[in-house]
Amino acid sequence: MAKIEVVPRLDAAVAELGTGYKSVRIAGQRTRWGSCTSAGVMSFNWRLLLAPERVLDYVIWHEACHLLVLDHSQKYWALVETHVPEYREASKWLRKNAATLVL
């Protein structure tokens, strides 16, 4: 079910970035909301579906931007901000409310 929500959003983000990815994995990671490997393997935590839509979108964009910049440099954050201007608020919400994203 999570792929139904995540994949179209990820596809739109990577299309806007002019890049692509290899595969998508949805799991219940304990320590990460998402990740992106240098090979283009994208992983997302299914619990993001319990968060507000803007938070889900932020995490998807966060990982999609890693397809172009693999670190958290100023260049990376500038790229994220170009596509998600309110990323700081979404990130703050996630840090504050992460423990509530359970069934």
C-alpha atoms as a PDB file:
ATOM      1  CA  MET A   1       0.000   0.000   0.000  1.00  0.00           C
ATOM      2  CA  ALA A   2       2.794   2.439   0.839  1.00  0.00           C
ATOM      3  CA  LYS A   3       4.248   2.102  -2.648  1.00  0.00           C
ATOM      4  CA  ILE A   4       0.958   3.396  -4.071  1.00  0.00           C
ATOM      5  CA  GLU A   5       1.557   6.659  -2.201  1.00  0.00           C
ATOM      6  CA  VAL A   6       5.340   6.892  -2.430  1.00  0.00           C
ATOM      7  CA  VAL A   7       6.216   5.821  -5.979  1.00  0.00           C
ATOM      8  CA  PRO A   8       4.133   8.381  -7.918  1.00  0.00           C
ATOM      9  CA  ARG A   9       5.495  11.176  -5.714  1.00  0.00           C
ATOM     10  CA  LEU A  10       9.036   9.907  -6.130  1.00  0.00           C
ATOM     11  CA  ASP A  11       8.568   9.563  -9.883  1.00  0.00           C
ATOM     12  CA  ALA A  12       7.387  13.178 -10.098  1.00  0.00           C
ATOM     13  CA  ALA A  13      10.321  14.401  -8.002  1.00  0.00           C
ATOM     14  CA  VAL A  14      12.983  12.578 -10.014  1.00  0.00           C
ATOM     15  CA  ALA A  15      11.379  13.691 -13.276  1.00  0.00           C
ATOM     16  CA  GLU A  16      11.555  17.294 -12.089  1.00  0.00           C
ATOM     17  CA  LEU A  17      15.179  16.746 -11.091  1.00  0.00           C
ATOM     18  CA  GLY A  18      15.949  15.163 -14.475  1.00  0.00           C
ATOM     19  CA  THR A  19      17.300  11.963 -12.982  1.00  0.00           C
ATOM     20  CA  GLY A  20      16.147   8.451 -12.162  1.00  0.00           C
ATOM     21  CA  TYR A  21      16.432   5.695  -9.584  1.00  0.00           C
ATOM     22  CA  LYS A  22      16.946   1.953  -9.681  1.00  0.00           C
ATOM     23  CA  SER A  23      14.337   0.610  -7.261  1.00  0.00           C
ATOM     24  CA  VAL A  24      12.126   1.465  -4.294  1.00  0.00           C
ATOM     25  CA  ARG A  25      11.938  -0.416  -1.029  1.00  0.00           C
ATOM     26  CA  ILE A  26       9.334   0.185   1.671  1.00  0.00           C
ATOM     27  CA  ALA A  27      10.117  -1.214   5.104  1.00  0.00           C
ATOM     28  CA  GLY A  28       9.800  -0.560   8.816  1.00  0.00           C
ATOM     29  CA  GLN A  29      13.298   0.729   9.511  1.00  0.00           C
ATOM     30  CA  ARG A  30      13.871   1.616  13.146  1.00  0.00           C
ATOM     31  CA  THR A  31      16.286   4.502  12.678  1.00  0.00           C
ATOM     32  CA  ARG A  32      15.608   6.042   9.255  1.00  0.00           C
ATOM     33  CA  TRP A  33      12.718   7.649   7.449  1.00  0.00           C
ATOM     34  CA  GLY A  34      14.362   7.200   4.098  1.00  0.00           C
ATOM     35  CA  SER A  35      17.631   6.528   2.354  1.00  0.00           C
ATOM     36  CA  CYS A  36      19.215   6.644  -1.074  1.00  0.00           C
ATOM     37  CA  THR A  37      22.227   4.618  -2.173  1.00  0.00           C
ATOM     38  CA  SER A  38      24.771   5.734  -4.730  1.00  0.00           C
ATOM     39  CA  ALA A  39      23.321   3.029  -7.005  1.00  0.00           C
ATOM     40  CA  GLY A  40      19.884   4.670  -6.872  1.00  0.00           C
ATOM     41  CA  VAL A  41      18.134   2.283  -4.508  1.00  0.00           C
ATOM     42  CA  MET A  42      15.524   4.275  -2.601  1.00  0.00           C
ATOM     43  CA  SER A  43      14.138   3.167   0.766  1.00  0.00           C
ATOM     44  CA  PHE A  44      11.282   4.679   2.717  1.00  0.00           C
ATOM     45  CA  ASN A  45       9.700   3.902   6.056  1.00  0.00           C
ATOM     46  CA  TRP A  46       6.028   2.916   5.798  1.00  0.00           C
ATOM     47  CA  ARG A  47       5.286   4.934   8.957  1.00  0.00           C
ATOM     48  CA  LEU A  48       5.637   8.104   6.882  1.00  0.00           C
ATOM     49  CA  LEU A  49       2.106   7.396   5.666  1.00  0.00           C
ATOM     50  CA  LEU A  50       0.928   8.268   9.173  1.00  0.00           C
ATOM     51  CA  ALA A  51       2.535  11.712   8.941  1.00  0.00           C
ATOM     52  CA  PRO A  52       1.031  14.788   7.297  1.00  0.00           C
ATOM     53  CA  GLU A  53       1.314  14.783   3.520  1.00  0.00           C
ATOM     54  CA  ARG A  54       3.800  17.663   3.549  1.00  0.00           C
ATOM     55  CA  VAL A  55       6.149  15.586   5.730  1.00  0.00           C
ATOM     56  CA  LEU A  56       5.920  12.591   3.404  1.00  0.00           C
ATOM     57  CA  ASP A  57       6.638  14.869   0.450  1.00  0.00           C
ATOM     58  CA  TYR A  58       9.626  16.396   2.244  1.00  0.00           C
ATOM     59  CA  VAL A  59      11.206  12.995   2.933  1.00  0.00           C
ATOM     60  CA  ILE A  60      10.645  11.904  -0.658  1.00  0.00           C
ATOM     61  CA  TRP A  61      12.268  15.092  -1.963  1.00  0.00           C
ATOM     62  CA  HIS A  62      15.064  14.764   0.617  1.00  0.00           C
ATOM     63  CA  GLU A  63      15.970  11.350  -0.760  1.00  0.00           C
ATOM     64  CA  ALA A  64      15.376  12.285  -4.410  1.00  0.00           C
ATOM     65  CA  CYS A  65      17.831  15.172  -4.067  1.00  0.00           C
ATOM     66  CA  HIS A  66      20.437  12.672  -2.868  1.00  0.00           C
ATOM     67  CA  LEU A  67      20.354  11.192  -6.367  1.00  0.00           C
ATOM     68  CA  LEU A  68      22.135  14.377  -7.465  1.00  0.00           C
ATOM     69  CA  VAL A  69      24.086  15.277  -4.306  1.00  0.00           C
ATOM     70  CA  LEU A  70      24.969  12.375  -1.998  1.00  0.00           C
ATOM     71  CA  ASP A  71      25.950  14.468   1.024  1.00  0.00           C
ATOM     72  CA  HIS A  72      24.307  17.072   3.236  1.00  0.00           C
ATOM     73  CA  SER A  73      26.371  20.003   1.976  1.00  0.00           C
ATOM     74  CA  GLN A  74      25.121  23.557   1.451  1.00  0.00           C
ATOM     75  CA  LYS A  75      24.654  22.663  -2.217  1.00  0.00           C
ATOM     76  CA  TYR A  76      22.409  19.761  -1.211  1.00  0.00           C
ATOM     77  CA  TRP A  77      20.238  21.804   1.165  1.00  0.00           C
ATOM     78  CA  ALA A  78      19.909  24.580  -1.433  1.00  0.00           C
ATOM     79  CA  LEU A  79      18.605  21.961  -3.882  1.00  0.00           C
ATOM     80  CA  VAL A  80      16.109  20.648  -1.313  1.00  0.00           C
ATOM     81  CA  GLU A  81      14.943  24.179  -0.531  1.00  0.00           C
ATOM     82  CA  THR A  82      14.395  24.899  -4.221  1.00  0.00           C
ATOM     83  CA  HIS A  83      11.834  22.096  -4.354  1.00  0.00           C
ATOM     84  CA  VAL A  84      10.514  22.139  -0.779  1.00  0.00           C
ATOM     85  CA  PRO A  85      10.825  25.712   0.502  1.00  0.00           C
ATOM     86  CA  GLU A  86       9.176  24.733   3.817  1.00  0.00           C
ATOM     87  CA  TYR A  87      11.482  21.742   4.391  1.00  0.00           C
ATOM     88  CA  ARG A  88      12.686  23.079   7.752  1.00  0.00           C
ATOM     89  CA  GLU A  89       9.163  23.015   9.173  1.00  0.00           C
ATOM     90  CA  ALA A  90       8.517  19.492   7.865  1.00  0.00           C
ATOM     91  CA  SER A  91      11.813  18.264   9.278  1.00  0.00           C
ATOM     92  CA  LYS A  92      11.054  19.889  12.633  1.00  0.00           C
ATOM     93  CA  TRP A  93       7.585  18.284  12.676  1.00  0.00           C
ATOM     94  CA  LEU A  94       9.110  14.873  12.019  1.00  0.00           C
ATOM     95  CA  ARG A  95      11.689  15.223  14.798  1.00  0.00           C
ATOM     96  CA  LYS A  96       9.024  16.399  17.251  1.00  0.00           C
ATOM     97  CA  ASN A  97       6.341  13.852  16.344  1.00  0.00           C
ATOM     98  CA  ALA A  98       8.292  10.794  15.207  1.00  0.00           C
ATOM     99  CA  ALA A  99       7.303   8.738  18.248  1.00  0.00           C
ATOM    100  CA  THR A 100       3.611   9.236  17.474  1.00  0.00           C
ATOM    101  CA  LEU A 101       3.844   7.523  14.065  1.00  0.00           C
ATOM    102  CA  VAL A 102       2.782   4.086  15.253  1.00  0.00           C
ATOM    103  CA  LEU A 103      -0.297   1.920  14.811  1.00  0.00           C
END
